[in-house]
Amino acid sequence: MSKIGLQLFSVWKDAEKDFLGTIQKVAELGYEAIQFAGFYHTPADKLQNVLKENGILVAGAHVGIEKLLDDELKRTFEYHSAIDNNLLICPALPKEMRQTADDYKKTAETLNQIGETCKKAGFTFGYHNHAFEFEQFGSETGFDLLFGHTDPDLVKMELDCYWASFADHDPLEIIQIYKNRVVSLHIKDMKIVKGKKTGIEIGRGQLDFASLIKIGNKVGVEWFTVEQEEFERDPYESLSINVDTLKQLMLEEKTR
């Protein structure tokens, strides 16, 4: 059964001010794990103590491409080993790595190399999409090129269901196609306000989370990772709604 985490970028302003205190607040909402998007110069042993004190697991971490190359990768391994995290996710690509189809193919080679090094060190490596990967290059999208030219054993997928939908691609179809590669789903809902697509709490928008949970469990997705960046109310109230709704949907799926 998949587990529920929160991408801490959802409350990045609070994390910048009080990183460890923000982790405690997230734990109190009922999340099982946190996915990190930075550590604010916090020593690994200090972070690990706070995670243990609050019973929080690590649902992976977003690590910029610059920290996944050369000598930086070794330092990345050391830090993440110390906090019991074995899932490293490249969160996005700089523009120069994704301008053309050939750029995507070359980037895929780089990701394969990172993935191979990660695997040898006992880590799982994956890539997280936004909407830009779905730009067409002839008959293929950047997304197709990236995952079509990477080794499924070396480069896994964290599918951001919101951004796939934002780009008018069905996340359910993507999961079915890449079912053996999806280790995490970014869970956030979408509504349209005055013609603009925007984020909203789970269950208040247009994404079919009951079906996403069903197929996620079927293909063995490890993490359902909540992320919300746009709020109409107090962020922690929204994050509480998200985790409660997701737990209820998962319970309903389990009892079917």
Protein backbone atom coordinates (compact mmCIF):
# COMPACT_ATOMS: atom_id res chain seq x y z
CA MET A 1 0.00 0.00 0.00
CA SER A 2 1.26 3.45 -0.91
CA LYS A 3 2.16 5.91 1.82
CA ILE A 4 1.34 9.62 2.12
CA GLY A 5 4.00 12.29 2.18
CA LEU A 6 4.13 16.06 1.83
CA GLN A 7 6.47 18.00 -0.41
CA LEU A 8 7.76 20.60 2.04
CA PHE A 9 7.99 23.20 -0.72
CA SER A 10 4.26 23.62 -0.08
CA VAL A 11 5.20 25.72 2.98
CA TRP A 12 8.63 26.92 1.87
CA LYS A 13 8.25 30.36 3.43
CA ASP A 14 7.79 28.79 6.86
CA ALA A 15 10.57 26.28 6.23
CA GLU A 16 12.95 29.13 5.43
CA LYS A 17 12.19 30.75 8.79
CA ASP A 18 11.97 27.62 10.97
CA PHE A 19 12.85 24.45 9.08
CA LEU A 20 12.70 22.00 11.98
CA GLY A 21 9.61 23.60 13.52
CA THR A 22 7.81 23.32 10.19
CA ILE A 23 8.56 19.59 10.09
CA GLN A 24 6.92 19.22 13.49
CA LYS A 25 3.82 21.12 12.32
CA VAL A 26 3.52 18.85 9.28
CA ALA A 27 3.81 15.76 11.48
CA GLU A 28 0.95 17.04 13.62
CA LEU A 29 -1.29 17.19 10.53
CA GLY A 30 -1.02 13.41 10.10
CA TYR A 31 1.45 13.02 7.25
CA GLU A 32 3.60 9.89 7.34
CA ALA A 33 6.56 11.43 5.57
CA ILE A 34 8.12 14.56 4.17
CA GLN A 35 9.68 15.04 0.77
CA PHE A 36 12.38 17.66 0.93
CA ALA A 37 13.26 20.46 -1.47
CA GLY A 38 16.24 21.82 0.44
CA PHE A 39 17.68 21.64 3.94
CA TYR A 40 18.56 25.25 4.82
CA HIS A 41 22.08 24.39 5.99
CA THR A 42 20.73 22.00 8.64
CA PRO A 43 23.22 19.32 9.76
CA ALA A 44 22.01 15.84 8.81
CA ASP A 45 22.25 14.45 12.35
CA LYS A 46 20.14 17.30 13.73
CA LEU A 47 17.50 16.75 11.05
CA GLN A 48 17.48 13.01 11.63
CA ASN A 49 16.84 13.54 15.34
CA VAL A 50 13.81 15.74 14.61
CA LEU A 51 12.45 13.23 12.09
CA LYS A 52 12.72 10.41 14.64
CA GLU A 53 11.21 12.49 17.44
CA ASN A 54 8.17 13.20 15.27
CA GLY A 55 7.85 9.74 13.71
CA ILE A 56 8.33 11.13 10.21
CA LEU A 57 9.78 9.17 7.29
CA VAL A 58 11.49 10.65 4.24
CA ALA A 59 9.51 10.38 0.99
CA GLY A 60 12.50 11.25 -1.15
CA ALA A 61 14.04 14.62 -1.89
CA HIS A 62 14.21 17.00 -4.81
CA VAL A 63 17.86 17.57 -5.59
CA GLY A 64 18.96 20.07 -8.23
CA ILE A 65 20.91 18.69 -11.17
CA GLU A 66 24.03 20.58 -10.05
CA LYS A 67 24.14 18.48 -6.87
CA LEU A 68 23.82 15.24 -8.82
CA LEU A 69 26.99 15.64 -10.85
CA ASP A 70 30.66 14.85 -10.22
CA ASP A 71 31.96 15.39 -6.67
CA GLU A 72 28.69 16.96 -5.54
CA LEU A 73 26.93 13.62 -5.94
CA LYS A 74 29.17 12.00 -3.34
CA ARG A 75 28.31 14.74 -0.84
CA THR A 76 24.64 14.30 -1.71
CA PHE A 77 24.89 10.58 -0.96
CA GLU A 78 26.50 11.25 2.41
CA TYR A 79 23.82 13.67 3.56
CA HIS A 80 20.88 11.58 2.41
CA SER A 81 22.28 8.37 3.87
CA ALA A 82 22.43 10.14 7.22
CA ILE A 83 18.71 10.95 7.12
CA ASP A 84 17.67 7.50 5.83
CA ASN A 85 16.60 8.74 2.41
CA ASN A 86 17.26 6.52 -0.60
CA LEU A 87 15.15 8.34 -3.22
CA LEU A 88 16.78 11.23 -5.09
CA ILE A 89 14.65 13.12 -7.59
CA CYS A 90 15.75 15.66 -10.15
CA PRO A 91 12.97 18.26 -9.87
CA ALA A 92 13.41 20.04 -13.22
CA LEU A 93 15.85 20.87 -15.99
CA PRO A 94 17.51 24.19 -16.80
CA LYS A 95 16.47 25.63 -20.16
CA GLU A 96 19.75 24.80 -21.86
CA MET A 97 19.10 21.08 -21.30
CA ARG A 98 15.66 21.07 -22.96
CA GLN A 99 15.53 23.40 -25.96
CA THR A 100 15.51 20.76 -28.71
CA ALA A 101 14.90 17.06 -29.23
CA ASP A 102 18.65 16.52 -29.30
CA ASP A 103 18.95 18.37 -25.99
CA TYR A 104 16.51 15.94 -24.43
CA LYS A 105 18.40 12.95 -25.83
CA LYS A 106 21.68 14.30 -24.48
CA THR A 107 20.06 15.05 -21.13
CA ALA A 108 18.75 11.48 -21.05
CA GLU A 109 22.36 10.25 -21.30
CA THR A 110 23.28 12.43 -18.32
CA LEU A 111 20.34 11.12 -16.30
CA ASN A 112 21.32 7.54 -17.13
CA GLN A 113 24.81 8.20 -15.81
CA ILE A 114 23.44 9.72 -12.61
CA GLY A 115 21.01 6.83 -12.22
CA GLU A 116 23.76 4.26 -12.66
CA THR A 117 25.92 5.93 -10.01
CA CYS A 118 22.94 6.19 -7.67
CA LYS A 119 22.03 2.53 -8.13
CA LYS A 120 25.58 1.40 -7.35
CA ALA A 121 25.45 3.47 -4.15
CA GLY A 122 22.10 2.00 -3.07
CA PHE A 123 19.89 4.92 -4.11
CA THR A 124 16.89 5.16 -6.42
CA PHE A 125 17.02 8.04 -8.89
CA GLY A 126 14.02 9.61 -10.56
CA TYR A 127 12.81 12.61 -12.51
CA HIS A 128 9.89 14.95 -11.66
CA ASN A 129 8.01 16.64 -14.48
CA HIS A 130 6.43 20.03 -14.89
CA ALA A 131 4.40 21.07 -17.93
CA PHE A 132 7.29 22.10 -20.18
CA GLU A 133 8.35 18.50 -20.84
CA PHE A 134 5.15 18.01 -22.84
CA GLU A 135 6.23 20.43 -25.57
CA GLN A 136 6.10 18.72 -28.97
CA PHE A 137 9.24 18.01 -30.96
CA GLY A 138 7.89 16.51 -34.14
CA SER A 139 5.89 13.42 -33.26
CA GLU A 140 7.25 13.18 -29.70
CA THR A 141 7.12 15.32 -26.59
CA GLY A 142 10.10 16.17 -24.44
CA PHE A 143 8.60 13.80 -21.89
CA ASP A 144 8.57 10.97 -24.45
CA LEU A 145 12.16 11.70 -25.40
CA LEU A 146 13.38 11.91 -21.82
CA PHE A 147 11.85 8.65 -20.66
CA GLY A 148 12.21 6.92 -24.02
CA HIS A 149 15.98 7.42 -23.96
CA THR A 150 16.60 6.62 -20.31
CA ASP A 151 17.02 3.16 -18.83
CA PRO A 152 13.90 2.11 -16.86
CA ASP A 153 16.13 0.45 -14.27
CA LEU A 154 18.19 3.59 -13.73
CA VAL A 155 15.77 6.50 -14.08
CA LYS A 156 12.41 6.22 -12.35
CA MET A 157 9.49 8.62 -12.54
CA GLU A 158 7.82 10.95 -10.10
CA LEU A 159 4.74 11.91 -12.06
CA ASP A 160 3.31 15.28 -11.15
CA CYS A 161 -0.35 14.66 -11.91
CA TYR A 162 -1.21 18.35 -11.74
CA TRP A 163 1.40 19.44 -14.28
CA ALA A 164 0.60 16.58 -16.64
CA SER A 165 -3.06 17.61 -16.54
CA PHE A 166 -2.07 21.26 -16.90
CA ALA A 167 -0.37 20.29 -20.18
CA ASP A 168 -3.56 18.45 -21.25
CA HIS A 169 -2.13 14.96 -20.80
CA ASP A 170 -3.96 12.29 -18.83
CA PRO A 171 -1.90 11.15 -15.83
CA LEU A 172 -3.81 7.85 -15.75
CA GLU A 173 -2.62 7.04 -19.27
CA ILE A 174 0.95 8.02 -18.41
CA ILE A 175 0.95 5.75 -15.36
CA GLN A 176 -0.37 2.87 -17.46
CA ILE A 177 2.36 3.36 -20.07
CA TYR A 178 5.21 3.75 -17.56
CA LYS A 179 3.77 1.55 -14.82
CA ASN A 180 7.06 -0.12 -13.95
CA ARG A 181 8.86 3.21 -13.48
CA VAL A 182 6.50 5.30 -11.35
CA VAL A 183 7.76 5.38 -7.76
CA SER A 184 5.95 8.52 -6.62
CA LEU A 185 2.96 10.62 -7.61
CA HIS A 186 2.73 14.32 -6.87
CA ILE A 187 -0.83 14.78 -5.71
CA LYS A 188 -2.44 18.19 -6.14
CA ASP A 189 -5.79 19.18 -7.58
CA MET A 190 -6.64 21.76 -10.23
CA LYS A 191 -9.52 24.09 -10.87
CA ILE A 192 -10.09 26.70 -13.55
CA VAL A 193 -10.78 30.26 -12.42
CA LYS A 194 -11.55 32.86 -15.09
CA GLY A 195 -9.92 30.66 -17.70
CA LYS A 196 -6.76 30.13 -15.65
CA LYS A 197 -5.67 26.76 -14.28
CA THR A 198 -4.75 26.93 -10.61
CA GLY A 199 -4.11 24.66 -7.63
CA ILE A 200 -6.74 23.72 -5.06
CA GLU A 201 -7.23 21.19 -2.25
CA ILE A 202 -7.69 17.54 -3.22
CA GLY A 203 -11.32 16.82 -4.02
CA ARG A 204 -12.22 20.43 -4.86
CA GLY A 205 -10.91 20.35 -8.41
CA GLN A 206 -11.16 18.28 -11.57
CA LEU A 207 -8.57 15.51 -11.16
CA ASP A 208 -9.85 11.96 -10.63
CA PHE A 209 -7.96 10.97 -7.49
CA ALA A 210 -10.01 7.85 -6.81
CA SER A 211 -8.78 6.42 -10.12
CA LEU A 212 -5.24 7.70 -9.55
CA ILE A 213 -5.09 5.97 -6.18
CA LYS A 214 -6.47 2.77 -7.67
CA ILE A 215 -3.94 2.58 -10.48
CA GLY A 216 -1.15 3.84 -8.22
CA ASN A 217 -1.70 0.97 -5.82
CA LYS A 218 -2.04 -1.47 -8.71
CA VAL A 219 1.34 -0.60 -10.24
CA GLY A 220 3.12 -0.34 -6.90
CA VAL A 221 3.63 3.40 -6.47
CA GLU A 222 5.42 3.86 -3.15
CA TRP A 223 4.51 7.46 -2.37
CA PHE A 224 1.47 9.66 -2.84
CA THR A 225 3.15 13.00 -2.20
CA VAL A 226 0.89 15.96 -1.60
CA GLU A 227 1.99 19.33 -2.93
CA GLN A 228 0.04 22.57 -3.00
CA GLU A 229 1.50 25.93 -3.93
CA GLU A 230 -1.59 28.13 -4.27
CA PHE A 231 -3.91 28.66 -1.33
CA GLU A 232 -7.30 30.26 -0.70
CA ARG A 233 -7.06 29.71 3.06
CA ASP A 234 -4.41 29.12 5.72
CA PRO A 235 -1.87 26.73 4.12
CA TYR A 236 -1.92 24.34 7.06
CA GLU A 237 -5.69 24.13 6.90
CA SER A 238 -5.40 23.24 3.23
CA LEU A 239 -2.70 20.66 3.92
CA SER A 240 -4.87 19.13 6.64
CA ILE A 241 -7.78 18.88 4.19
CA ASN A 242 -5.46 17.25 1.66
CA VAL A 243 -4.14 14.54 3.96
CA ASP A 244 -7.58 13.78 5.42
CA THR A 245 -9.17 13.55 1.98
CA LEU A 246 -6.37 11.39 0.63
CA LYS A 247 -6.58 9.03 3.61
CA GLN A 248 -10.33 8.69 3.10
CA LEU A 249 -9.93 7.95 -0.60
CA MET A 250 -7.25 5.37 0.14
CA LEU A 251 -9.47 3.73 2.76
CA GLU A 252 -12.37 3.58 0.32
CA GLU A 253 -10.14 1.99 -2.31
CA LYS A 254 -8.82 -0.54 0.22
CA THR A 255 -12.32 -1.62 1.28
CA ARG A 256 -13.72 -2.00 -2.25
